[in-house]
Amino acid sequence: MTTKTDEAALGYEQARDELIEVVRRLEAGGTSLEESLALWERGEELAKVCRRWLDGARARLDAALAESGLGGGADEEG
């Protein structure tokens, strides 16, 4: 079983690759209900890790664009 510390240490690519493997195994079938539930729960954890990485990258990009004055986008009037 993984811990929150283990999840925090996962890079985006690692989490994404493991999530792809979890989905592949679930789609292939042939697992017990217990194993399927464990895979599903792991997939949910990995998806959260990926989302945190993507949210962080988006925040950094937004900050960099705002700092450079290039932050104009669809949300701004003009």
PDB file of N, CA and C in Angstrom:
ATOM      1  N   MET A   1       0.840  -1.175   0.000  1.00  0.00           N
ATOM      2  CA  MET A   1       0.000   0.000   0.000  1.00  0.00           C
ATOM      3  C   MET A   1       0.887   1.241   0.000  1.00  0.00           C
ATOM      4  N   THR A   2       0.472   2.260  -0.723  1.00  0.00           N
ATOM      5  CA  THR A   2       1.263   3.477  -0.780  1.00  0.00           C
ATOM      6  C   THR A   2       0.771   4.469   0.263  1.00  0.00           C
ATOM      7  N   THR A   3       1.665   5.354   0.639  1.00  0.00           N
ATOM      8  CA  THR A   3       1.321   6.383   1.606  1.00  0.00           C
ATOM      9  C   THR A   3       1.262   7.723   0.911  1.00  0.00           C
ATOM     10  N   LYS A   4       0.758   8.725   1.611  1.00  0.00           N
ATOM     11  CA  LYS A   4       0.701  10.077   1.058  1.00  0.00           C
ATOM     12  C   LYS A   4       2.103  10.569   0.714  1.00  0.00           C
ATOM     13  N   THR A   5       3.103  10.178   1.510  1.00  0.00           N
ATOM     14  CA  THR A   5       4.478  10.562   1.227  1.00  0.00           C
ATOM     15  C   THR A   5       4.932   9.965  -0.098  1.00  0.00           C
ATOM     16  N   ASP A   6       4.574   8.703  -0.332  1.00  0.00           N
ATOM     17  CA  ASP A   6       4.921   8.061  -1.594  1.00  0.00           C
ATOM     18  C   ASP A   6       4.274   8.790  -2.767  1.00  0.00           C
ATOM     19  N   GLU A   7       2.997   9.167  -2.597  1.00  0.00           N
ATOM     20  CA  GLU A   7       2.287   9.870  -3.658  1.00  0.00           C
ATOM     21  C   GLU A   7       2.933  11.221  -3.937  1.00  0.00           C
ATOM     22  N   ALA A   8       3.336  11.934  -2.885  1.00  0.00           N
ATOM     23  CA  ALA A   8       3.945  13.243  -3.055  1.00  0.00           C
ATOM     24  C   ALA A   8       5.269  13.135  -3.800  1.00  0.00           C
ATOM     25  N   ALA A   9       5.944  12.002  -3.666  1.00  0.00           N
ATOM     26  CA  ALA A   9       7.230  11.814  -4.323  1.00  0.00           C
ATOM     27  C   ALA A   9       7.077  11.444  -5.797  1.00  0.00           C
ATOM     28  N   LEU A  10       5.871  11.062  -6.206  1.00  0.00           N
ATOM     29  CA  LEU A  10       5.649  10.678  -7.598  1.00  0.00           C
ATOM     30  C   LEU A  10       5.695  11.895  -8.502  1.00  0.00           C
ATOM     31  N   GLY A  11       6.449  11.794  -9.564  1.00  0.00           N
ATOM     32  CA  GLY A  11       6.419  12.830 -10.581  1.00  0.00           C
ATOM     33  C   GLY A  11       5.188  12.646 -11.448  1.00  0.00           C
ATOM     34  N   TYR A  12       4.882  13.666 -12.239  1.00  0.00           N
ATOM     35  CA  TYR A  12       3.704  13.608 -13.097  1.00  0.00           C
ATOM     36  C   TYR A  12       3.769  12.406 -14.036  1.00  0.00           C
ATOM     37  N   GLU A  13       4.903  12.235 -14.695  1.00  0.00           N
ATOM     38  CA  GLU A  13       5.028  11.155 -15.673  1.00  0.00           C
ATOM     39  C   GLU A  13       4.890   9.783 -15.020  1.00  0.00           C
ATOM     40  N   GLN A  14       5.458   9.630 -13.833  1.00  0.00           N
ATOM     41  CA  GLN A  14       5.340   8.357 -13.111  1.00  0.00           C
ATOM     42  C   GLN A  14       3.875   8.067 -12.777  1.00  0.00           C
ATOM     43  N   ALA A  15       3.192   9.073 -12.239  1.00  0.00           N
ATOM     44  CA  ALA A  15       1.788   8.892 -11.865  1.00  0.00           C
ATOM     45  C   ALA A  15       0.937   8.611 -13.097  1.00  0.00           C
ATOM     46  N   ARG A  16       1.191   9.341 -14.175  1.00  0.00           N
ATOM     47  CA  ARG A  16       0.428   9.142 -15.410  1.00  0.00           C
ATOM     48  C   ARG A  16       0.643   7.742 -15.961  1.00  0.00           C
ATOM     49  N   ASP A  17       1.893   7.304 -15.992  1.00  0.00           N
ATOM     50  CA  ASP A  17       2.189   5.979 -16.530  1.00  0.00           C
ATOM     51  C   ASP A  17       1.556   4.875 -15.690  1.00  0.00           C
ATOM     52  N   GLU A  18       1.607   5.038 -14.372  1.00  0.00           N
ATOM     53  CA  GLU A  18       0.981   4.038 -13.512  1.00  0.00           C
ATOM     54  C   GLU A  18      -0.537   4.061 -13.680  1.00  0.00           C
ATOM     55  N   LEU A  19      -1.107   5.246 -13.845  1.00  0.00           N
ATOM     56  CA  LEU A  19      -2.551   5.358 -14.063  1.00  0.00           C
ATOM     57  C   LEU A  19      -2.954   4.671 -15.367  1.00  0.00           C
ATOM     58  N   ILE A  20      -2.165   4.836 -16.401  1.00  0.00           N
ATOM     59  CA  ILE A  20      -2.433   4.156 -17.671  1.00  0.00           C
ATOM     60  C   ILE A  20      -2.437   2.647 -17.476  1.00  0.00           C
ATOM     61  N   GLU A  21      -1.490   2.148 -16.696  1.00  0.00           N
ATOM     62  CA  GLU A  21      -1.415   0.706 -16.428  1.00  0.00           C
ATOM     63  C   GLU A  21      -2.627   0.231 -15.625  1.00  0.00           C
ATOM     64  N   VAL A  22      -3.054   1.021 -14.652  1.00  0.00           N
ATOM     65  CA  VAL A  22      -4.234   0.671 -13.859  1.00  0.00           C
ATOM     66  C   VAL A  22      -5.458   0.579 -14.769  1.00  0.00           C
ATOM     67  N   VAL A  23      -5.638   1.563 -15.621  1.00  0.00           N
ATOM     68  CA  VAL A  23      -6.781   1.566 -16.539  1.00  0.00           C
ATOM     69  C   VAL A  23      -6.716   0.355 -17.472  1.00  0.00           C
ATOM     70  N   ARG A  24      -5.525   0.060 -17.984  1.00  0.00           N
ATOM     71  CA  ARG A  24      -5.359  -1.092 -18.873  1.00  0.00           C
ATOM     72  C   ARG A  24      -5.789  -2.378 -18.168  1.00  0.00           C
ATOM     73  N   ARG A  25      -5.353  -2.532 -16.916  1.00  0.00           N
ATOM     74  CA  ARG A  25      -5.697  -3.751 -16.168  1.00  0.00           C
ATOM     75  C   ARG A  25      -7.189  -3.839 -15.887  1.00  0.00           C
ATOM     76  N   LEU A  26      -7.794  -2.701 -15.561  1.00  0.00           N
ATOM     77  CA  LEU A  26      -9.237  -2.705 -15.313  1.00  0.00           C
ATOM     78  C   LEU A  26     -10.013  -3.028 -16.586  1.00  0.00           C
ATOM     79  N   GLU A  27      -9.587  -2.461 -17.705  1.00  0.00           N
ATOM     80  CA  GLU A  27     -10.276  -2.715 -18.972  1.00  0.00           C
ATOM     81  C   GLU A  27     -10.104  -4.153 -19.437  1.00  0.00           C
ATOM     82  N   ALA A  28      -8.967  -4.752 -19.118  1.00  0.00           N
ATOM     83  CA  ALA A  28      -8.706  -6.128 -19.537  1.00  0.00           C
ATOM     84  C   ALA A  28      -9.587  -7.118 -18.793  1.00  0.00           C
ATOM     85  N   GLY A  29     -10.006  -6.739 -17.590  1.00  0.00           N
ATOM     86  CA  GLY A  29     -10.855  -7.640 -16.801  1.00  0.00           C
ATOM     87  C   GLY A  29     -10.055  -8.794 -16.249  1.00  0.00           C
ATOM     88  N   GLY A  30     -10.771  -9.805 -15.790  1.00  0.00           N
ATOM     89  CA  GLY A  30     -10.118 -10.995 -15.264  1.00  0.00           C
ATOM     90  C   GLY A  30      -9.588 -10.829 -13.863  1.00  0.00           C
ATOM     91  N   THR A  31      -9.959  -9.746 -13.181  1.00  0.00           N
ATOM     92  CA  THR A  31      -9.520  -9.561 -11.809  1.00  0.00           C
ATOM     93  C   THR A  31     -10.709  -9.776 -10.882  1.00  0.00           C
ATOM     94  N   SER A  32     -10.402 -10.115  -9.664  1.00  0.00           N
ATOM     95  CA  SER A  32     -11.468 -10.301  -8.676  1.00  0.00           C
ATOM     96  C   SER A  32     -12.080  -8.941  -8.340  1.00  0.00           C
ATOM     97  N   LEU A  33     -13.233  -8.987  -7.718  1.00  0.00           N
ATOM     98  CA  LEU A  33     -13.890  -7.747  -7.307  1.00  0.00           C
ATOM     99  C   LEU A  33     -12.997  -6.968  -6.350  1.00  0.00           C
ATOM    100  N   GLU A  34     -12.384  -7.662  -5.422  1.00  0.00           N
ATOM    101  CA  GLU A  34     -11.508  -7.013  -4.450  1.00  0.00           C
ATOM    102  C   GLU A  34     -10.325  -6.333  -5.144  1.00  0.00           C
ATOM    103  N   GLU A  35      -9.697  -7.047  -6.080  1.00  0.00           N
ATOM    104  CA  GLU A  35      -8.566  -6.478  -6.803  1.00  0.00           C
ATOM    105  C   GLU A  35      -9.007  -5.314  -7.679  1.00  0.00           C
ATOM    106  N   SER A  36     -10.173  -5.444  -8.312  1.00  0.00           N
ATOM    107  CA  SER A  36     -10.695  -4.351  -9.140  1.00  0.00           C
ATOM    108  C   SER A  36     -10.940  -3.098  -8.313  1.00  0.00           C
ATOM    109  N   LEU A  37     -11.498  -3.270  -7.120  1.00  0.00           N
ATOM    110  CA  LEU A  37     -11.733  -2.124  -6.245  1.00  0.00           C
ATOM    111  C   LEU A  37     -10.423  -1.482  -5.808  1.00  0.00           C
ATOM    112  N   ALA A  38      -9.427  -2.300  -5.508  1.00  0.00           N
ATOM    113  CA  ALA A  38      -8.117  -1.770  -5.121  1.00  0.00           C
ATOM    114  C   ALA A  38      -7.492  -1.007  -6.287  1.00  0.00           C
ATOM    115  N   LEU A  39      -7.622  -1.550  -7.487  1.00  0.00           N
ATOM    116  CA  LEU A  39      -7.101  -0.852  -8.665  1.00  0.00           C
ATOM    117  C   LEU A  39      -7.829   0.471  -8.880  1.00  0.00           C
ATOM    118  N   TRP A  40      -9.141   0.450  -8.729  1.00  0.00           N
ATOM    119  CA  TRP A  40      -9.935   1.673  -8.899  1.00  0.00           C
ATOM    120  C   TRP A  40      -9.481   2.746  -7.898  1.00  0.00           C
ATOM    121  N   GLU A  41      -9.317   2.338  -6.633  1.00  0.00           N
ATOM    122  CA  GLU A  41      -8.885   3.286  -5.607  1.00  0.00           C
ATOM    123  C   GLU A  41      -7.498   3.840  -5.919  1.00  0.00           C
ATOM    124  N   ARG A  42      -6.611   2.982  -6.381  1.00  0.00           N
ATOM    125  CA  ARG A  42      -5.267   3.443  -6.750  1.00  0.00           C
ATOM    126  C   ARG A  42      -5.356   4.408  -7.922  1.00  0.00           C
ATOM    127  N   GLY A  43      -6.211   4.112  -8.882  1.00  0.00           N
ATOM    128  CA  GLY A  43      -6.392   5.002 -10.016  1.00  0.00           C
ATOM    129  C   GLY A  43      -6.889   6.369  -9.586  1.00  0.00           C
ATOM    130  N   GLU A  44      -7.816   6.395  -8.629  1.00  0.00           N
ATOM    131  CA  GLU A  44      -8.313   7.675  -8.105  1.00  0.00           C
ATOM    132  C   GLU A  44      -7.185   8.470  -7.454  1.00  0.00           C
ATOM    133  N   GLU A  45      -6.340   7.790  -6.678  1.00  0.00           N
ATOM    134  CA  GLU A  45      -5.203   8.450  -6.037  1.00  0.00           C
ATOM    135  C   GLU A  45      -4.244   9.018  -7.075  1.00  0.00           C
ATOM    136  N   LEU A  46      -3.951   8.219  -8.092  1.00  0.00           N
ATOM    137  CA  LEU A  46      -3.031   8.659  -9.144  1.00  0.00           C
ATOM    138  C   LEU A  46      -3.604   9.828  -9.941  1.00  0.00           C
ATOM    139  N   ALA A  47      -4.904   9.798 -10.193  1.00  0.00           N
ATOM    140  CA  ALA A  47      -5.541  10.903 -10.908  1.00  0.00           C
ATOM    141  C   ALA A  47      -5.419  12.196 -10.106  1.00  0.00           C
ATOM    142  N   LYS A  48      -5.544  12.108  -8.787  1.00  0.00           N
ATOM    143  CA  LYS A  48      -5.391  13.291  -7.934  1.00  0.00           C
ATOM    144  C   LYS A  48      -3.970  13.828  -7.995  1.00  0.00           C
ATOM    145  N   VAL A  49      -2.998  12.920  -7.991  1.00  0.00           N
ATOM    146  CA  VAL A  49      -1.595  13.331  -8.096  1.00  0.00           C
ATOM    147  C   VAL A  49      -1.377  14.074  -9.417  1.00  0.00           C
ATOM    148  N   CYS A  50      -1.875  13.509 -10.499  1.00  0.00           N
ATOM    149  CA  CYS A  50      -1.726  14.145 -11.813  1.00  0.00           C
ATOM    150  C   CYS A  50      -2.405  15.511 -11.824  1.00  0.00           C
ATOM    151  N   ARG A  51      -3.601  15.595 -11.260  1.00  0.00           N
ATOM    152  CA  ARG A  51      -4.333  16.866 -11.231  1.00  0.00           C
ATOM    153  C   ARG A  51      -3.562  17.920 -10.449  1.00  0.00           C
ATOM    154  N   ARG A  52      -2.956  17.525  -9.315  1.00  0.00           N
ATOM    155  CA  ARG A  52      -2.165  18.497  -8.538  1.00  0.00           C
ATOM    156  C   ARG A  52      -0.985  19.009  -9.350  1.00  0.00           C
ATOM    157  N   TRP A  53      -0.311  18.106 -10.067  1.00  0.00           N
ATOM    158  CA  TRP A  53       0.812  18.526 -10.910  1.00  0.00           C
ATOM    159  C   TRP A  53       0.340  19.485 -11.995  1.00  0.00           C
ATOM    160  N   LEU A  54      -0.759  19.153 -12.650  1.00  0.00           N
ATOM    161  CA  LEU A  54      -1.264  20.002 -13.731  1.00  0.00           C
ATOM    162  C   LEU A  54      -1.751  21.343 -13.208  1.00  0.00           C
ATOM    163  N   ASP A  55      -2.416  21.347 -12.054  1.00  0.00           N
ATOM    164  CA  ASP A  55      -2.865  22.607 -11.452  1.00  0.00           C
ATOM    165  C   ASP A  55      -1.666  23.478 -11.084  1.00  0.00           C
ATOM    166  N   GLY A  56      -0.635  22.864 -10.541  1.00  0.00           N
ATOM    167  CA  GLY A  56       0.578  23.607 -10.195  1.00  0.00           C
ATOM    168  C   GLY A  56       1.264  24.185 -11.423  1.00  0.00           C
ATOM    169  N   ALA A  57       1.324  23.397 -12.478  1.00  0.00           N
ATOM    170  CA  ALA A  57       1.938  23.884 -13.717  1.00  0.00           C
ATOM    171  C   ALA A  57       1.131  25.034 -14.290  1.00  0.00           C
ATOM    172  N   ARG A  58      -0.204  24.939 -14.228  1.00  0.00           N
ATOM    173  CA  ARG A  58      -1.069  26.003 -14.736  1.00  0.00           C
ATOM    174  C   ARG A  58      -0.864  27.290 -13.934  1.00  0.00           C
ATOM    175  N   ALA A  59      -0.763  27.161 -12.612  1.00  0.00           N
ATOM    176  CA  ALA A  59      -0.557  28.335 -11.764  1.00  0.00           C
ATOM    177  C   ALA A  59       0.782  28.999 -12.077  1.00  0.00           C
ATOM    178  N   ARG A  60       1.822  28.192 -12.275  1.00  0.00           N
ATOM    179  CA  ARG A  60       3.133  28.753 -12.619  1.00  0.00           C
ATOM    180  C   ARG A  60       3.105  29.448 -13.970  1.00  0.00           C
ATOM    181  N   LEU A  61       2.420  28.842 -14.929  1.00  0.00           N
ATOM    182  CA  LEU A  61       2.304  29.453 -16.249  1.00  0.00           C
ATOM    183  C   LEU A  61       1.526  30.765 -16.175  1.00  0.00           C
ATOM    184  N   ASP A  62       0.416  30.765 -15.455  1.00  0.00           N
ATOM    185  CA  ASP A  62      -0.375  31.989 -15.296  1.00  0.00           C
ATOM    186  C   ASP A  62       0.446  33.090 -14.636  1.00  0.00           C
ATOM    187  N   ALA A  63       1.218  32.733 -13.599  1.00  0.00           N
ATOM    188  CA  ALA A  63       2.054  33.713 -12.907  1.00  0.00           C
ATOM    189  C   ALA A  63       3.118  34.267 -13.836  1.00  0.00           C
ATOM    190  N   ALA A  64       3.734  33.399 -14.622  1.00  0.00           N
ATOM    191  CA  ALA A  64       4.771  33.854 -15.552  1.00  0.00           C
ATOM    192  C   ALA A  64       4.181  34.768 -16.625  1.00  0.00           C
ATOM    193  N   LEU A  65       3.008  34.426 -17.125  1.00  0.00           N
ATOM    194  CA  LEU A  65       2.362  35.266 -18.131  1.00  0.00           C
ATOM    195  C   LEU A  65       1.950  36.614 -17.550  1.00  0.00           C
ATOM    196  N   ALA A  66       1.444  36.616 -16.336  1.00  0.00           N
ATOM    197  CA  ALA A  66       1.048  37.867 -15.694  1.00  0.00           C
ATOM    198  C   ALA A  66       2.267  38.754 -15.461  1.00  0.00           C
ATOM    199  N   GLU A  67       3.350  38.135 -15.047  1.00  0.00           N
ATOM    200  CA  GLU A  67       4.588  38.893 -14.787  1.00  0.00           C
ATOM    201  C   GLU A  67       5.141  39.503 -16.055  1.00  0.00           C
ATOM    202  N   SER A  68       5.015  38.812 -17.174  1.00  0.00           N
ATOM    203  CA  SER A  68       5.564  39.304 -18.434  1.00  0.00           C
ATOM    204  C   SER A  68       4.613  40.230 -19.162  1.00  0.00           C
ATOM    205  N   GLY A  69       3.389  40.349 -18.645  1.00  0.00           N
ATOM    206  CA  GLY A  69       2.402  41.213 -19.294  1.00  0.00           C
ATOM    207  C   GLY A  69       1.737  40.561 -20.475  1.00  0.00           C
ATOM    208  N   LEU A  70       1.943  39.262 -20.662  1.00  0.00           N
ATOM    209  CA  LEU A  70       1.348  38.544 -21.778  1.00  0.00           C
ATOM    210  C   LEU A  70       0.136  37.750 -21.354  1.00  0.00           C
ATOM    211  N   GLY A  71      -0.429  38.076 -20.223  1.00  0.00           N
ATOM    212  CA  GLY A  71      -1.514  37.295 -19.657  1.00  0.00           C
ATOM    213  C   GLY A  71      -2.850  37.492 -20.305  1.00  0.00           C
ATOM    214  N   GLY A  72      -2.962  38.284 -21.369  1.00  0.00           N
ATOM    215  CA  GLY A  72      -4.250  38.510 -22.017  1.00  0.00           C
ATOM    216  C   GLY A  72      -4.843  37.209 -22.493  1.00  0.00           C
ATOM    217  N   GLY A  73      -6.129  37.057 -22.263  1.00  0.00           N
ATOM    218  CA  GLY A  73      -6.774  35.815 -22.658  1.00  0.00           C
ATOM    219  C   GLY A  73      -8.245  36.026 -22.851  1.00  0.00           C
ATOM    220  N   ALA A  74      -8.953  34.961 -23.008  1.00  0.00           N
ATOM    221  CA  ALA A  74     -10.394  35.011 -23.288  1.00  0.00           C
ATOM    222  C   ALA A  74     -11.160  35.602 -22.113  1.00  0.00           C
ATOM    223  N   ASP A  75     -10.609  35.572 -20.900  1.00  0.00           N
ATOM    224  CA  ASP A  75     -11.315  36.092 -19.742  1.00  0.00           C
ATOM    225  C   ASP A  75     -11.267  37.608 -19.659  1.00  0.00           C
ATOM    226  N   GLU A  76     -10.358  38.239 -20.395  1.00  0.00           N
ATOM    227  CA  GLU A  76     -10.216  39.681 -20.327  1.00  0.00           C
ATOM    228  C   GLU A  76     -11.037  40.354 -21.410  1.00  0.00           C
ATOM    229  N   GLU A  77     -11.591  41.521 -21.040  1.00  0.00           N
ATOM    230  CA  GLU A  77     -12.324  42.303 -22.034  1.00  0.00           C
ATOM    231  C   GLU A  77     -11.335  43.142 -22.813  1.00  0.00           C
ATOM    232  N   GLY A  78     -11.726  43.477 -24.034  1.00  0.00           N
ATOM    233  CA  GLY A  78     -10.798  44.354 -24.726  1.00  0.00           C
ATOM    234  C   GLY A  78     -10.982  44.320 -26.123  1.00  0.00           C
TER     235      GLY A  78
END
